[in-house]
PDB file of N, CA and C in Angstrom:
ATOM      1  N   MET A   1       0.844  -1.167   0.000  1.00  0.00           N
ATOM      2  CA  MET A   1       0.000   0.000   0.000  1.00  0.00           C
ATOM      3  C   MET A   1       0.900   1.244   0.000  1.00  0.00           C
ATOM      4  N   PRO A   2       0.625   2.212  -0.848  1.00  0.00           N
ATOM      5  CA  PRO A   2       1.449   3.422  -0.865  1.00  0.00           C
ATOM      6  C   PRO A   2       1.349   4.187   0.449  1.00  0.00           C
ATOM      7  N   ASP A   3       2.429   4.916   0.756  1.00  0.00           N
ATOM      8  CA  ASP A   3       2.473   5.647   2.022  1.00  0.00           C
ATOM      9  C   ASP A   3       1.402   6.722   2.110  1.00  0.00           C
ATOM     10  N   GLY A   4       1.071   7.374   1.003  1.00  0.00           N
ATOM     11  CA  GLY A   4       0.065   8.438   1.010  1.00  0.00           C
ATOM     12  C   GLY A   4      -1.307   7.929   1.418  1.00  0.00           C
ATOM     13  N   ILE A   5      -1.684   6.762   0.910  1.00  0.00           N
ATOM     14  CA  ILE A   5      -2.987   6.187   1.240  1.00  0.00           C
ATOM     15  C   ILE A   5      -3.010   5.743   2.696  1.00  0.00           C
ATOM     16  N   GLN A   6      -1.928   5.161   3.171  1.00  0.00           N
ATOM     17  CA  GLN A   6      -1.871   4.694   4.554  1.00  0.00           C
ATOM     18  C   GLN A   6      -1.907   5.867   5.525  1.00  0.00           C
ATOM     19  N   LYS A   7      -1.209   6.947   5.214  1.00  0.00           N
ATOM     20  CA  LYS A   7      -1.233   8.130   6.077  1.00  0.00           C
ATOM     21  C   LYS A   7      -2.621   8.745   6.125  1.00  0.00           C
ATOM     22  N   GLY A   8      -3.304   8.771   4.982  1.00  0.00           N
ATOM     23  CA  GLY A   8      -4.667   9.292   4.939  1.00  0.00           C
ATOM     24  C   GLY A   8      -5.611   8.449   5.766  1.00  0.00           C
ATOM     25  N   SER A   9      -5.435   7.132   5.729  1.00  0.00           N
ATOM     26  CA  SER A   9      -6.270   6.227   6.510  1.00  0.00           C
ATOM     27  C   SER A   9      -6.037   6.414   8.006  1.00  0.00           C
ATOM     28  N   VAL A  10      -4.785   6.577   8.390  1.00  0.00           N
ATOM     29  CA  VAL A  10      -4.463   6.797   9.803  1.00  0.00           C
ATOM     30  C   VAL A  10      -5.040   8.123  10.274  1.00  0.00           C
ATOM     31  N   GLU A  11      -4.941   9.152   9.438  1.00  0.00           N
ATOM     32  CA  GLU A  11      -5.479  10.472   9.797  1.00  0.00           C
ATOM     33  C   GLU A  11      -7.001  10.417   9.939  1.00  0.00           C
ATOM     34  N   THR A  12      -7.660   9.704   9.050  1.00  0.00           N
ATOM     35  CA  THR A  12      -9.119   9.570   9.122  1.00  0.00           C
ATOM     36  C   THR A  12      -9.526   8.836  10.395  1.00  0.00           C
ATOM     37  N   ASN A  13      -8.829   7.746  10.728  1.00  0.00           N
ATOM     38  CA  ASN A  13      -9.144   7.010  11.950  1.00  0.00           C
ATOM     39  C   ASN A  13      -8.919   7.869  13.188  1.00  0.00           C
ATOM     40  N   ARG A  14      -7.866   8.685  13.168  1.00  0.00           N
ATOM     41  CA  ARG A  14      -7.594   9.564  14.312  1.00  0.00           C
ATOM     42  C   ARG A  14      -8.708  10.596  14.473  1.00  0.00           C
ATOM     43  N   ARG A  15      -9.199  11.128  13.361  1.00  0.00           N
ATOM     44  CA  ARG A  15     -10.296  12.113  13.420  1.00  0.00           C
ATOM     45  C   ARG A  15     -11.578  11.478  13.941  1.00  0.00           C
ATOM     46  N   PHE A  16     -11.894  10.263  13.476  1.00  0.00           N
ATOM     47  CA  PHE A  16     -13.089   9.579  13.975  1.00  0.00           C
ATOM     48  C   PHE A  16     -12.975   9.317  15.478  1.00  0.00           C
ATOM     49  N   THR A  17     -11.809   8.894  15.918  1.00  0.00           N
ATOM     50  CA  THR A  17     -11.610   8.615  17.339  1.00  0.00           C
ATOM     51  C   THR A  17     -11.779   9.879  18.158  1.00  0.00           C
ATOM     52  N   LEU A  18     -11.195  10.956  17.705  1.00  0.00           N
ATOM     53  CA  LEU A  18     -11.332  12.227  18.420  1.00  0.00           C
ATOM     54  C   LEU A  18     -12.780  12.694  18.423  1.00  0.00           C
ATOM     55  N   ARG A  19     -13.464  12.529  17.303  1.00  0.00           N
ATOM     56  CA  ARG A  19     -14.850  12.993  17.189  1.00  0.00           C
ATOM     57  C   ARG A  19     -15.772  12.267  18.163  1.00  0.00           C
ATOM     58  N   TRP A  20     -15.680  10.926  18.257  1.00  0.00           N
ATOM     59  CA  TRP A  20     -16.612  10.233  19.148  1.00  0.00           C
ATOM     60  C   TRP A  20     -16.256  10.449  20.605  1.00  0.00           C
ATOM     61  N   LYS A  21     -14.973  10.651  20.903  1.00  0.00           N
ATOM     62  CA  LYS A  21     -14.609  10.940  22.286  1.00  0.00           C
ATOM     63  C   LYS A  21     -15.141  12.301  22.717  1.00  0.00           C
ATOM     64  N   VAL A  22     -15.061  13.281  21.839  1.00  0.00           N
ATOM     65  CA  VAL A  22     -15.596  14.615  22.152  1.00  0.00           C
ATOM     66  C   VAL A  22     -17.111  14.555  22.303  1.00  0.00           C
ATOM     67  N   MET A  23     -17.780  13.812  21.434  1.00  0.00           N
ATOM     68  CA  MET A  23     -19.235  13.682  21.536  1.00  0.00           C
ATOM     69  C   MET A  23     -19.657  13.048  22.859  1.00  0.00           C
ATOM     70  N   LEU A  24     -18.955  12.004  23.276  1.00  0.00           N
ATOM     71  CA  LEU A  24     -19.309  11.352  24.539  1.00  0.00           C
ATOM     72  C   LEU A  24     -18.998  12.241  25.739  1.00  0.00           C
ATOM     73  N   ALA A  25     -17.918  13.012  25.665  1.00  0.00           N
ATOM     74  CA  ALA A  25     -17.598  13.932  26.755  1.00  0.00           C
ATOM     75  C   ALA A  25     -18.652  15.030  26.862  1.00  0.00           C
ATOM     76  N   LEU A  26     -19.045  15.609  25.744  1.00  0.00           N
ATOM     77  CA  LEU A  26     -20.105  16.627  25.764  1.00  0.00           C
ATOM     78  C   LEU A  26     -21.430  16.039  26.237  1.00  0.00           C
ATOM     79  N   SER A  27     -21.689  14.817  25.845  1.00  0.00           N
ATOM     80  CA  SER A  27     -22.900  14.141  26.289  1.00  0.00           C
ATOM     81  C   SER A  27     -22.933  14.025  27.810  1.00  0.00           C
ATOM     82  N   ALA A  28     -21.812  13.615  28.384  1.00  0.00           N
ATOM     83  CA  ALA A  28     -21.740  13.484  29.844  1.00  0.00           C
ATOM     84  C   ALA A  28     -21.895  14.838  30.526  1.00  0.00           C
ATOM     85  N   VAL A  29     -21.324  15.873  29.949  1.00  0.00           N
ATOM     86  CA  VAL A  29     -21.450  17.219  30.522  1.00  0.00           C
ATOM     87  C   VAL A  29     -22.899  17.690  30.478  1.00  0.00           C
ATOM     88  N   PHE A  30     -23.571  17.510  29.333  1.00  0.00           N
ATOM     89  CA  PHE A  30     -24.971  17.933  29.222  1.00  0.00           C
ATOM     90  C   PHE A  30     -25.868  17.170  30.192  1.00  0.00           C
ATOM     91  N   ILE A  31     -25.672  15.875  30.314  1.00  0.00           N
ATOM     92  CA  ILE A  31     -26.490  15.084  31.232  1.00  0.00           C
ATOM     93  C   ILE A  31     -26.233  15.513  32.673  1.00  0.00           C
ATOM     94  N   ALA A  32     -24.971  15.745  33.020  1.00  0.00           N
ATOM     95  CA  ALA A  32     -24.647  16.195  34.373  1.00  0.00           C
ATOM     96  C   ALA A  32     -25.259  17.569  34.660  1.00  0.00           C
ATOM     97  N   LEU A  33     -25.189  18.477  33.709  1.00  0.00           N
ATOM     98  CA  LEU A  33     -25.809  19.794  33.895  1.00  0.00           C
ATOM     99  C   LEU A  33     -27.319  19.673  34.054  1.00  0.00           C
ATOM    100  N   GLY A  34     -27.927  18.811  33.270  1.00  0.00           N
ATOM    101  CA  GLY A  34     -29.375  18.637  33.355  1.00  0.00           C
ATOM    102  C   GLY A  34     -29.825  18.018  34.661  1.00  0.00           C
ATOM    103  N   MET A  35     -29.001  17.144  35.239  1.00  0.00           N
ATOM    104  CA  MET A  35     -29.415  16.447  36.450  1.00  0.00           C
ATOM    105  C   MET A  35     -28.980  17.149  37.734  1.00  0.00           C
ATOM    106  N   CYS A  36     -27.871  17.852  37.708  1.00  0.00           N
ATOM    107  CA  CYS A  36     -27.294  18.376  38.945  1.00  0.00           C
ATOM    108  C   CYS A  36     -27.578  19.846  39.205  1.00  0.00           C
ATOM    109  N   VAL A  37     -27.848  20.630  38.172  1.00  0.00           N
ATOM    110  CA  VAL A  37     -28.063  22.065  38.361  1.00  0.00           C
ATOM    111  C   VAL A  37     -29.551  22.325  38.518  1.00  0.00           C
ATOM    112  N   ASP A  38     -29.899  23.174  39.481  1.00  0.00           N
ATOM    113  CA  ASP A  38     -31.294  23.533  39.711  1.00  0.00           C
ATOM    114  C   ASP A  38     -31.626  24.748  38.842  1.00  0.00           C
ATOM    115  N   TRP A  39     -32.234  24.496  37.701  1.00  0.00           N
ATOM    116  CA  TRP A  39     -32.547  25.556  36.754  1.00  0.00           C
ATOM    117  C   TRP A  39     -33.864  26.219  37.123  1.00  0.00           C
ATOM    118  N   SER A  40     -33.992  27.494  36.830  1.00  0.00           N
ATOM    119  CA  SER A  40     -35.255  28.188  37.078  1.00  0.00           C
ATOM    120  C   SER A  40     -36.289  27.711  36.067  1.00  0.00           C
ATOM    121  N   PRO A  41     -37.565  27.776  36.438  1.00  0.00           N
ATOM    122  CA  PRO A  41     -38.602  27.305  35.509  1.00  0.00           C
ATOM    123  C   PRO A  41     -38.626  28.159  34.233  1.00  0.00           C
ATOM    124  N   SER A  42     -39.043  27.541  33.143  1.00  0.00           N
ATOM    125  CA  SER A  42     -39.070  28.260  31.870  1.00  0.00           C
ATOM    126  C   SER A  42     -40.141  29.344  31.889  1.00  0.00           C
ATOM    127  N   GLN A  43     -39.880  30.401  31.165  1.00  0.00           N
ATOM    128  CA  GLN A  43     -40.811  31.538  31.091  1.00  0.00           C
ATOM    129  C   GLN A  43     -42.024  31.199  30.220  1.00  0.00           C
ATOM    130  N   ASP A  44     -41.792  30.439  29.194  1.00  0.00           N
ATOM    131  CA  ASP A  44     -42.851  30.088  28.257  1.00  0.00           C
ATOM    132  C   ASP A  44     -43.316  28.659  28.543  1.00  0.00           C
ATOM    133  N   ALA A  45     -44.624  28.477  28.662  1.00  0.00           N
ATOM    134  CA  ALA A  45     -45.161  27.159  29.009  1.00  0.00           C
ATOM    135  C   ALA A  45     -44.981  26.140  27.879  1.00  0.00           C
ATOM    136  N   SER A  46     -44.817  26.595  26.649  1.00  0.00           N
ATOM    137  CA  SER A  46     -44.693  25.657  25.533  1.00  0.00           C
ATOM    138  C   SER A  46     -43.287  25.074  25.414  1.00  0.00           C
ATOM    139  N   LEU A  47     -42.316  25.671  26.114  1.00  0.00           N
ATOM    140  CA  LEU A  47     -40.940  25.172  26.061  1.00  0.00           C
ATOM    141  C   LEU A  47     -40.720  24.102  27.123  1.00  0.00           C
ATOM    142  N   PRO A  48     -39.875  23.108  26.845  1.00  0.00           N
ATOM    143  CA  PRO A  48     -39.583  22.086  27.865  1.00  0.00           C
ATOM    144  C   PRO A  48     -38.674  22.662  28.959  1.00  0.00           C
ATOM    145  N   ASP A  49     -38.621  21.990  30.084  1.00  0.00           N
ATOM    146  CA  ASP A  49     -37.712  22.394  31.151  1.00  0.00           C
ATOM    147  C   ASP A  49     -36.280  22.312  30.649  1.00  0.00           C
ATOM    148  N   THR A  50     -35.434  23.184  31.172  1.00  0.00           N
ATOM    149  CA  THR A  50     -34.036  23.193  30.749  1.00  0.00           C
ATOM    150  C   THR A  50     -33.355  21.890  31.111  1.00  0.00           C
ATOM    151  N   SER A  51     -33.646  21.358  32.296  1.00  0.00           N
ATOM    152  CA  SER A  51     -32.975  20.131  32.725  1.00  0.00           C
ATOM    153  C   SER A  51     -33.343  18.953  31.829  1.00  0.00           C
ATOM    154  N   SER A  52     -34.618  18.809  31.501  1.00  0.00           N
ATOM    155  CA  SER A  52     -35.011  17.692  30.636  1.00  0.00           C
ATOM    156  C   SER A  52     -34.455  17.879  29.226  1.00  0.00           C
ATOM    157  N   PHE A  53     -34.400  19.128  28.755  1.00  0.00           N
ATOM    158  CA  PHE A  53     -33.831  19.388  27.431  1.00  0.00           C
ATOM    159  C   PHE A  53     -32.360  18.997  27.385  1.00  0.00           C
ATOM    160  N   LEU A  54     -31.597  19.347  28.426  1.00  0.00           N
ATOM    161  CA  LEU A  54     -30.172  19.018  28.449  1.00  0.00           C
ATOM    162  C   LEU A  54     -29.942  17.509  28.554  1.00  0.00           C
ATOM    163  N   VAL A  55     -30.772  16.827  29.314  1.00  0.00           N
ATOM    164  CA  VAL A  55     -30.634  15.371  29.419  1.00  0.00           C
ATOM    165  C   VAL A  55     -30.946  14.715  28.073  1.00  0.00           C
ATOM    166  N   ILE A  56     -32.009  15.144  27.420  1.00  0.00           N
ATOM    167  CA  ILE A  56     -32.363  14.586  26.116  1.00  0.00           C
ATOM    168  C   ILE A  56     -31.271  14.893  25.096  1.00  0.00           C
ATOM    169  N   LEU A  57     -30.760  16.118  25.104  1.00  0.00           N
ATOM    170  CA  LEU A  57     -29.670  16.488  24.197  1.00  0.00           C
ATOM    171  C   LEU A  57     -28.418  15.653  24.465  1.00  0.00           C
ATOM    172  N   GLY A  58     -28.121  15.415  25.740  1.00  0.00           N
ATOM    173  CA  GLY A  58     -26.970  14.590  26.095  1.00  0.00           C
ATOM    174  C   GLY A  58     -27.119  13.159  25.632  1.00  0.00           C
ATOM    175  N   VAL A  59     -28.304  12.602  25.784  1.00  0.00           N
ATOM    176  CA  VAL A  59     -28.544  11.222  25.343  1.00  0.00           C
ATOM    177  C   VAL A  59     -28.423  11.113  23.822  1.00  0.00           C
ATOM    178  N   LEU A  60     -29.005  12.069  23.101  1.00  0.00           N
ATOM    179  CA  LEU A  60     -28.911  12.034  21.638  1.00  0.00           C
ATOM    180  C   LEU A  60     -27.470  12.204  21.168  1.00  0.00           C
ATOM    181  N   LEU A  61     -26.732  13.097  21.800  1.00  0.00           N
ATOM    182  CA  LEU A  61     -25.340  13.298  21.433  1.00  0.00           C
ATOM    183  C   LEU A  61     -24.509  12.064  21.772  1.00  0.00           C
ATOM    184  N   GLY A  62     -24.810  11.419  22.889  1.00  0.00           N
ATOM    185  CA  GLY A  62     -24.117  10.182  23.243  1.00  0.00           C
ATOM    186  C   GLY A  62     -24.388   9.070  22.246  1.00  0.00           C
ATOM    187  N   CYS A  63     -25.630   8.960  21.809  1.00  0.00           N
ATOM    188  CA  CYS A  63     -25.962   7.945  20.790  1.00  0.00           C
ATOM    189  C   CYS A  63     -25.238   8.238  19.479  1.00  0.00           C
ATOM    190  N   ALA A  64     -25.170   9.508  19.102  1.00  0.00           N
ATOM    191  CA  ALA A  64     -24.437   9.866  17.882  1.00  0.00           C
ATOM    192  C   ALA A  64     -22.955   9.538  18.032  1.00  0.00           C
ATOM    193  N   GLY A  65     -22.393   9.763  19.207  1.00  0.00           N
ATOM    194  CA  GLY A  65     -21.006   9.434  19.446  1.00  0.00           C
ATOM    195  C   GLY A  65     -20.747   7.941  19.370  1.00  0.00           C
ATOM    196  N   LEU A  66     -21.645   7.155  19.930  1.00  0.00           N
ATOM    197  CA  LEU A  66     -21.483   5.706  19.867  1.00  0.00           C
ATOM    198  C   LEU A  66     -21.647   5.177  18.440  1.00  0.00           C
ATOM    199  N   LEU A  67     -22.576   5.763  17.688  1.00  0.00           N
ATOM    200  CA  LEU A  67     -22.716   5.353  16.299  1.00  0.00           C
ATOM    201  C   LEU A  67     -21.481   5.729  15.481  1.00  0.00           C
ATOM    202  N   THR A  68     -20.887   6.862  15.795  1.00  0.00           N
ATOM    203  CA  THR A  68     -19.637   7.256  15.121  1.00  0.00           C
ATOM    204  C   THR A  68     -18.517   6.290  15.467  1.00  0.00           C
ATOM    205  N   ALA A  69     -18.492   5.844  16.713  1.00  0.00           N
ATOM    206  CA  ALA A  69     -17.443   4.923  17.151  1.00  0.00           C
ATOM    207  C   ALA A  69     -17.582   3.572  16.449  1.00  0.00           C
ATOM    208  N   THR A  70     -18.807   3.120  16.260  1.00  0.00           N
ATOM    209  CA  THR A  70     -19.008   1.822  15.628  1.00  0.00           C
ATOM    210  C   THR A  70     -18.868   1.881  14.105  1.00  0.00           C
ATOM    211  N   ARG A  71     -18.854   3.068  13.563  1.00  0.00           N
ATOM    212  CA  ARG A  71     -18.742   3.243  12.111  1.00  0.00           C
ATOM    213  C   ARG A  71     -17.347   2.920  11.602  1.00  0.00           C
ATOM    214  N   GLN A  72     -16.354   2.982  12.465  1.00  0.00           N
ATOM    215  CA  GLN A  72     -14.978   2.771  12.035  1.00  0.00           C
ATOM    216  C   GLN A  72     -14.799   1.401  11.445  1.00  0.00           C
TER     217      GLN A  72
END
């Protein structure tokens, strides 16, 4: 295999690894913020609570990170 193709493959794998690790770290931060911080109630009744929104966002981001990890 030529060196150029192998270097490109290694660089792509490194980017995927960094991407899913960052996604999982942000996911953990969002879930922790949603569960541990006492947020004030929302001003508008049609909007969800901030804590539930952050937990849902964290779960979705975590799932995206895991799917990115398994894509390799």
